[in-house]
Protein backbone atom coordinates (compact mmCIF):
# COMPACT_ATOMS: atom_id res chain seq x y z
CA MET A 1 -13.83 -11.08 -8.35
CA GLN A 2 -12.23 -10.50 -4.97
CA TYR A 3 -11.67 -14.25 -4.49
CA LEU A 4 -10.01 -14.55 -7.90
CA ARG A 5 -7.87 -11.43 -7.38
CA HIS A 6 -6.70 -12.80 -4.05
CA ASN A 7 -5.90 -16.28 -5.36
CA TRP A 8 -4.49 -15.65 -8.86
CA ARG A 9 -1.20 -13.87 -9.49
CA ASP A 10 -1.76 -12.67 -13.05
CA GLN A 11 -4.36 -9.94 -12.59
CA SER A 12 -4.79 -9.57 -16.35
CA ASP A 13 -6.47 -13.02 -16.38
CA ILE A 14 -9.16 -12.11 -13.83
CA GLU A 15 -11.85 -11.00 -16.30
CA ASP A 16 -11.35 -14.14 -18.38
CA LEU A 17 -11.51 -16.27 -15.24
CA VAL A 18 -14.76 -14.60 -14.18
CA GLN A 19 -16.31 -15.29 -17.57
CA GLU A 20 -15.21 -18.90 -17.42
CA VAL A 21 -16.67 -19.29 -13.93
CA TYR A 22 -19.95 -17.82 -15.20
CA VAL A 23 -20.01 -20.27 -18.11
CA ARG A 24 -19.32 -23.25 -15.85
CA VAL A 25 -21.93 -22.20 -13.32
CA PHE A 26 -24.47 -21.56 -16.08
CA GLU A 27 -23.83 -24.96 -17.70
CA ALA A 28 -24.11 -26.72 -14.36
CA ALA A 29 -27.31 -24.81 -13.51
CA ARG A 30 -28.87 -25.87 -16.80
CA LYS A 31 -28.63 -29.46 -15.60
CA GLU A 32 -29.57 -28.82 -11.99
CA ILE A 33 -29.83 -25.71 -9.82
CA PRO A 34 -27.42 -26.02 -6.86
CA GLU A 35 -28.99 -25.93 -3.41
CA LYS A 36 -26.44 -23.45 -2.09
CA ALA A 37 -25.35 -21.07 -4.82
CA LYS A 38 -22.54 -19.20 -3.05
CA PRO A 39 -20.49 -22.27 -2.00
CA PHE A 40 -21.08 -23.73 -5.46
CA LEU A 41 -19.75 -20.56 -7.09
CA PHE A 42 -16.61 -20.49 -4.94
CA THR A 43 -15.99 -24.22 -5.46
CA THR A 44 -16.29 -23.71 -9.20
CA ALA A 45 -13.82 -20.81 -9.09
CA ARG A 46 -11.39 -22.81 -6.94
CA ASN A 47 -11.57 -25.79 -9.29
CA LEU A 48 -11.00 -23.53 -12.28
CA LEU A 49 -7.84 -22.11 -10.67
CA ILE A 50 -6.61 -25.61 -9.84
CA ASN A 51 -7.18 -26.70 -13.43
CA ARG A 52 -5.34 -23.65 -14.76
CA VAL A 53 -2.31 -24.42 -12.58
CA ARG A 54 -2.33 -28.07 -13.67
CA ASP A 55 -2.58 -27.13 -17.33
CA ARG A 56 0.49 -24.94 -17.25
CA ARG A 57 3.52 -26.70 -18.59
CA VAL A 58 6.77 -26.79 -16.66
CA VAL A 59 9.74 -25.86 -18.81
CA PRO A 60 12.89 -27.82 -18.00
CA MET A 61 15.49 -25.54 -16.44
CA GLU A 62 18.13 -26.71 -18.91
CA ALA A 63 15.97 -25.55 -21.83
CA ALA A 64 15.29 -22.20 -20.21
CA LEU A 65 18.99 -21.66 -19.58
CA ASP A 66 19.80 -22.27 -23.24
CA LEU A 67 16.97 -20.43 -25.03
CA ASP A 68 19.34 -18.96 -27.61
CA ALA A 69 20.28 -22.45 -28.80
CA LEU A 70 16.63 -23.28 -29.47
CA GLY A 71 16.43 -20.53 -32.09
CA ILE A 72 12.99 -19.33 -31.02
CA ALA A 73 11.73 -15.79 -30.74
CA ILE A 74 11.48 -14.54 -27.19
CA ASP A 75 9.25 -11.68 -26.13
CA THR A 76 11.59 -9.88 -23.79
CA PRO A 77 11.33 -6.22 -22.95
CA SER A 78 15.10 -5.85 -22.84
CA PRO A 79 18.26 -7.93 -23.15
CA ASP A 80 19.12 -7.02 -19.55
CA GLN A 81 15.98 -8.68 -18.21
CA GLY A 82 16.71 -11.84 -20.19
CA LEU A 83 20.21 -11.88 -18.75
CA MET A 84 18.87 -11.42 -15.21
CA VAL A 85 16.37 -14.26 -15.66
CA ARG A 86 19.06 -16.60 -16.99
CA ASP A 87 21.31 -15.63 -14.09
CA GLU A 88 18.53 -16.35 -11.59
CA LEU A 89 17.85 -19.73 -13.19
CA ARG A 90 21.57 -20.53 -13.11
CA ARG A 91 21.74 -19.59 -9.41
CA LEU A 92 18.67 -21.70 -8.69
CA ARG A 93 20.20 -24.66 -10.54
CA GLU A 94 23.44 -24.28 -8.55
CA ALA A 95 21.48 -24.02 -5.30
CA ILE A 96 19.53 -27.18 -6.12
CA ASP A 97 22.75 -28.98 -7.05
CA SER A 98 24.29 -28.04 -3.69
CA LEU A 99 21.50 -29.70 -1.68
CA PRO A 100 22.21 -33.06 -0.04
CA PRO A 101 21.37 -35.81 -2.57
CA ARG A 102 18.15 -37.10 -0.96
CA PHE A 103 16.78 -33.59 -0.41
CA ARG A 104 17.72 -32.63 -3.97
CA ASP A 105 15.98 -35.71 -5.39
CA VAL A 106 12.80 -35.03 -3.45
CA VAL A 107 12.73 -31.29 -4.26
CA VAL A 108 13.29 -31.94 -7.97
CA MET A 109 10.71 -34.72 -8.17
CA ARG A 110 8.03 -32.85 -6.22
CA ARG A 111 8.55 -29.22 -7.30
CA ILE A 112 10.02 -29.51 -10.79
CA GLU A 113 8.77 -32.84 -12.12
CA ASP A 114 5.46 -32.39 -10.22
CA LEU A 115 5.29 -35.99 -9.01
CA SER A 116 2.97 -36.89 -6.14
CA ARG A 117 4.33 -37.78 -2.72
CA ALA A 118 3.37 -41.40 -3.32
CA GLU A 119 5.26 -41.48 -6.64
CA VAL A 120 8.37 -39.95 -5.08
CA ALA A 121 8.19 -42.34 -2.12
CA GLN A 122 7.89 -45.30 -4.45
CA ARG A 123 10.78 -44.20 -6.68
CA LEU A 124 13.09 -43.54 -3.74
CA GLY A 125 11.93 -46.46 -1.59
CA ILE A 126 10.99 -44.26 1.38
CA SER A 127 7.74 -43.43 3.16
CA GLU A 128 5.48 -40.54 2.17
CA THR A 129 6.12 -38.96 5.57
CA THR A 130 9.84 -39.03 4.88
CA VAL A 131 9.19 -37.43 1.47
CA SER A 132 7.32 -34.60 3.23
CA ASP A 133 10.12 -34.17 5.77
CA TYR A 134 12.82 -34.13 3.08
CA LEU A 135 10.81 -31.68 1.00
CA THR A 136 10.29 -29.30 3.91
CA LYS A 137 13.93 -29.40 4.98
CA GLY A 138 15.12 -29.22 1.38
CA MET A 139 13.03 -26.13 0.66
CA TYR A 140 14.32 -24.44 3.82
CA LEU A 141 17.89 -25.25 2.83
CA LEU A 142 17.25 -24.01 -0.70
CA ALA A 143 15.87 -20.72 0.64
CA ASP A 144 18.88 -20.40 2.93
CA ILE A 145 21.26 -20.96 0.01
CA ILE A 146 19.46 -18.61 -2.38
CA TYR A 147 18.91 -15.79 0.09
CA GLY A 148 22.30 -16.21 1.78
CA GLU A 149 20.90 -16.75 5.24
CA THR A 150 22.61 -18.78 7.90
CA ILE A 151 21.13 -22.23 8.13
CA ASN A 152 19.07 -22.69 11.26
CA PRO A 153 20.59 -25.64 13.17
CA ARG A 154 17.10 -27.01 13.89
CA ARG A 155 16.52 -27.34 10.16
CA ARG A 156 19.83 -29.03 9.38
CA PRO A 157 19.64 -32.31 7.45
C-alpha cells in the first residue's frame, strides 16, 4: 500500500490497484510460485502502474480548449474552475508556441504525442542524444516561461 500511495497520484485508486496486484500475483502464483515473493510483488505493482499510465489517453489540447463546441457534458464543480483550466491550457499552449522551433517540436512529440526518442530522432533527422538535449532545454525554457522566471543563461538554446 505504501509503495502504491507513494507512486500513484490519485489516492482514490489505491484500493483498486491493491486488488489488481493481488489478482495478478495470485494468477502468476497459480502457474509457478516465485522464488522471491517481495521483489515479485513490487515488480508486479510497478508494472501495473506503468500499464495504467500507458492506457490513459492524451486529449489534444485543441479539443480541451474548445470543450463547449463538442457539446458533451462535463463534470465540473463550478464554472470558475472550468474557466481556470481553460486559461491554464491556453497559457500552456502559448508557452509551447513561444519555444524555439526545434525545442517545440521535440517537446510536443515527446510529451504530448508520446513518441519515443528514436521516433522523434527519426522524424527530425537528429540523434537521440540531441533529442534528449532539446527536450531537457525545452522543458526548462517552458518552465521559465510558465512560471515567469528569468532564463538561466546556462540553459539558453
